[in-house]
Amino acid sequence: MRKIIIVLLSIFSFQSVLSQNADLNVGINGGVTIGNLDNVSRMAFGVDANYLFDIFDNVKLGPSVNLVYFLTEDNVGVKPDPFIYLPLGGAIRFSGENDDFYVGADGGFALGISPNGDNGGIFFKPMVGYNFSEKVSVNFFYAGIKKKKPTYGYAGIGIVFNIFRGGNYFSY
């Protein structure tokens, strides 16, 4: 785990060396659970960060880190531990030439970090979003964690902040 964090921090540190056309985005999100968690959880929250490089015109690609927290409810007198996952992987975003709308996806492996000893699963998060400005956007998504039998998922809304674009740190 420590090695993964060191690698991710190294990637974020060398942004000026890697590309002048890169974006660091940080977002928060929330939504309602769908499917296999209905009897245990009704809501989920998340935090995500991605570091996107311009690959082609209107196409961005890069590493992604997420944190997903499924709130649990009392079920027949027993309240289970929350389900917490740390998805690590990649992100891709497509946008139009002069359009503020975009589509994208995050994907990778979700490490289970909850106290219940969950092993994790495959993470996927397709989305559609709108850029309100160069610094703020909103997206609608479905996030899922596919395990051997169940898929833990939630549909929600997120707000994303562009921390810097092309080396222009923290300017608004």
Protein backbone atom coordinates (compact mmCIF):
# COMPACT_ATOMS: atom_id res chain seq x y z
CA MET A 1 0.00 0.00 0.00
CA ARG A 2 2.82 2.38 0.88
CA LYS A 3 4.48 1.71 -2.49
CA ILE A 4 1.26 2.58 -4.35
CA ILE A 5 0.95 5.89 -2.52
CA ILE A 6 4.61 6.75 -3.22
CA VAL A 7 4.17 6.01 -6.94
CA LEU A 8 1.02 8.15 -7.16
CA LEU A 9 2.64 11.05 -5.33
CA SER A 10 5.65 10.82 -7.66
CA ILE A 11 3.40 11.04 -10.71
CA PHE A 12 1.61 14.09 -9.30
CA SER A 13 4.94 15.74 -8.34
CA PHE A 14 6.45 15.63 -11.80
CA GLN A 15 3.57 17.25 -13.67
CA SER A 16 5.70 20.03 -15.15
CA VAL A 17 8.22 17.49 -16.44
CA LEU A 18 5.59 15.18 -17.92
CA SER A 19 3.32 17.68 -19.62
CA GLN A 20 2.42 21.34 -19.73
CA ASN A 21 -1.11 20.32 -20.75
CA ALA A 22 -2.22 18.40 -17.68
CA ASP A 23 -5.12 18.83 -15.27
CA LEU A 24 -5.31 17.83 -11.62
CA ASN A 25 -8.97 17.40 -10.71
CA VAL A 26 -10.38 16.71 -7.26
CA GLY A 27 -14.04 15.96 -6.66
CA ILE A 28 -16.62 14.91 -4.12
CA ASN A 29 -19.77 12.96 -4.83
CA GLY A 30 -22.74 11.23 -3.30
CA GLY A 31 -25.64 9.09 -4.35
CA VAL A 32 -28.05 6.26 -3.69
CA THR A 33 -27.08 2.61 -3.74
CA ILE A 34 -28.45 0.35 -6.45
CA GLY A 35 -28.83 -3.40 -6.48
CA ASN A 36 -27.15 -5.80 -4.07
CA LEU A 37 -26.74 -3.38 -1.16
CA ASP A 38 -30.42 -2.38 -0.81
CA ASN A 39 -30.91 -4.32 2.43
CA VAL A 40 -27.70 -2.98 4.02
CA SER A 41 -27.00 0.48 2.58
CA ARG A 42 -29.04 3.27 1.03
CA MET A 43 -26.36 5.94 0.45
CA ALA A 44 -22.75 6.19 -0.64
CA PHE A 45 -20.20 9.00 -0.77
CA GLY A 46 -16.93 9.38 -2.57
CA VAL A 47 -13.86 11.48 -3.16
CA ASP A 48 -11.83 11.26 -6.33
CA ALA A 49 -8.70 12.72 -7.86
CA ASN A 50 -7.32 12.32 -11.34
CA TYR A 51 -4.40 13.68 -13.27
CA LEU A 52 -5.39 14.01 -16.91
CA PHE A 53 -3.04 14.58 -19.83
CA ASP A 54 -4.09 15.87 -23.27
CA ILE A 55 -3.65 12.83 -25.52
CA PHE A 56 -5.48 14.16 -28.61
CA ASP A 57 -7.71 17.15 -29.24
CA ASN A 58 -10.56 16.91 -26.73
CA VAL A 59 -9.32 13.59 -25.27
CA LYS A 60 -7.69 13.37 -21.84
CA LEU A 61 -6.24 10.30 -20.15
CA GLY A 62 -4.44 9.69 -16.85
CA PRO A 63 -4.24 7.99 -13.47
CA SER A 64 -7.14 8.10 -11.03
CA VAL A 65 -7.60 7.54 -7.29
CA ASN A 66 -11.02 7.29 -5.64
CA LEU A 67 -12.40 6.62 -2.17
CA VAL A 68 -15.87 5.08 -1.91
CA TYR A 69 -17.76 4.85 1.39
CA PHE A 70 -21.05 2.94 1.60
CA LEU A 71 -23.06 3.97 4.67
CA THR A 72 -24.64 0.94 6.37
CA GLU A 73 -27.98 0.70 8.13
CA ASP A 74 -29.34 -1.36 11.00
CA ASN A 75 -30.57 -4.65 9.54
CA VAL A 76 -32.64 -6.85 11.91
CA GLY A 77 -30.93 -5.38 14.96
CA VAL A 78 -27.39 -5.67 13.56
CA LYS A 79 -25.50 -2.76 12.00
CA PRO A 80 -22.66 -4.04 9.79
CA ASP A 81 -19.35 -2.23 9.38
CA PRO A 82 -19.30 0.30 6.52
CA PHE A 83 -17.99 -0.84 3.15
CA ILE A 84 -14.96 1.29 2.24
CA TYR A 85 -12.97 0.95 -0.99
CA LEU A 86 -9.90 2.62 -2.49
CA PRO A 87 -10.16 2.30 -6.30
CA LEU A 88 -6.87 2.82 -8.15
CA GLY A 89 -6.72 2.96 -11.92
CA GLY A 90 -7.17 5.29 -14.84
CA ALA A 91 -9.53 7.93 -16.18
CA ILE A 92 -10.50 9.10 -19.66
CA ARG A 93 -12.55 12.13 -20.72
CA PHE A 94 -13.96 13.08 -24.14
CA SER A 95 -15.35 16.53 -24.94
CA GLY A 96 -16.61 18.40 -27.99
CA GLU A 97 -14.66 21.11 -29.78
CA ASN A 98 -16.56 24.08 -28.36
CA ASP A 99 -18.86 22.17 -26.03
CA ASP A 100 -18.99 22.30 -22.25
CA PHE A 101 -20.41 18.77 -22.02
CA TYR A 102 -18.12 15.76 -21.63
CA VAL A 103 -18.34 11.99 -21.21
CA GLY A 104 -15.82 9.81 -19.48
CA ALA A 105 -15.05 6.85 -17.30
CA ASP A 106 -12.83 5.82 -14.40
CA GLY A 107 -11.76 2.20 -14.07
CA GLY A 108 -9.37 -0.01 -12.17
CA PHE A 109 -9.20 -2.19 -9.07
CA ALA A 110 -10.95 -1.22 -5.82
CA LEU A 111 -8.95 -2.27 -2.76
CA GLY A 112 -11.19 -3.20 0.16
CA ILE A 113 -10.06 -1.14 3.17
CA SER A 114 -13.14 -1.54 5.37
CA PRO A 115 -12.88 -3.15 8.82
CA ASN A 116 -14.92 -6.17 7.63
CA GLY A 117 -11.92 -7.52 5.66
CA ASP A 118 -13.44 -7.19 2.18
CA ASN A 119 -10.95 -7.98 -0.61
CA GLY A 120 -12.29 -5.50 -3.16
CA GLY A 121 -13.12 -5.93 -6.83
CA ILE A 122 -13.10 -4.38 -10.30
CA PHE A 123 -14.08 -0.69 -10.26
CA PHE A 124 -15.91 1.11 -13.07
CA LYS A 125 -17.50 4.57 -13.19
CA PRO A 126 -19.03 5.84 -16.44
CA MET A 127 -20.15 9.48 -16.35
CA VAL A 128 -21.52 12.46 -18.22
CA GLY A 129 -20.65 15.98 -17.10
CA TYR A 130 -20.87 19.69 -17.71
CA ASN A 131 -18.11 22.30 -17.29
CA PHE A 132 -19.53 25.40 -15.60
CA SER A 133 -16.16 27.11 -15.90
CA GLU A 134 -12.50 26.17 -16.36
CA LYS A 135 -12.33 25.39 -12.66
CA VAL A 136 -15.70 23.77 -11.76
CA SER A 137 -17.76 21.01 -13.33
CA VAL A 138 -20.57 18.69 -12.30
CA ASN A 139 -21.11 15.09 -13.37
CA PHE A 140 -23.74 12.37 -13.17
CA PHE A 141 -22.44 8.82 -12.86
CA TYR A 142 -22.89 5.21 -11.91
CA ALA A 143 -20.03 3.73 -9.87
CA GLY A 144 -19.76 -0.02 -9.43
CA ILE A 145 -17.46 -2.48 -7.73
CA LYS A 146 -17.78 -5.93 -9.27
CA LYS A 147 -17.03 -8.80 -6.95
CA LYS A 148 -17.38 -12.56 -7.49
CA LYS A 149 -21.17 -12.57 -7.06
CA PRO A 150 -22.56 -9.15 -6.12
CA THR A 151 -21.90 -5.77 -7.66
CA TYR A 152 -21.85 -2.93 -5.15
CA GLY A 153 -22.96 0.20 -6.93
CA TYR A 154 -24.44 3.64 -6.62
CA ALA A 155 -25.76 6.34 -8.92
CA GLY A 156 -25.06 9.92 -8.02
CA ILE A 157 -23.91 13.42 -8.70
CA GLY A 158 -20.46 14.90 -8.16
CA ILE A 159 -18.76 18.26 -8.23
CA VAL A 160 -15.22 18.47 -9.59
CA PHE A 161 -12.65 21.21 -9.03
CA ASN A 162 -9.78 21.71 -11.45
CA ILE A 163 -6.87 22.50 -9.11
CA PHE A 164 -4.45 23.44 -11.88
CA ARG A 165 -4.35 23.34 -15.63
CA GLY A 166 -1.10 23.26 -17.59
CA GLY A 167 1.07 24.42 -14.68
CA ASN A 168 -1.21 27.30 -13.71
CA TYR A 169 -1.34 26.45 -10.01
CA PHE A 170 -4.32 27.45 -7.89
CA SER A 171 -5.39 30.42 -9.99
CA TYR A 172 -9.04 31.40 -10.17
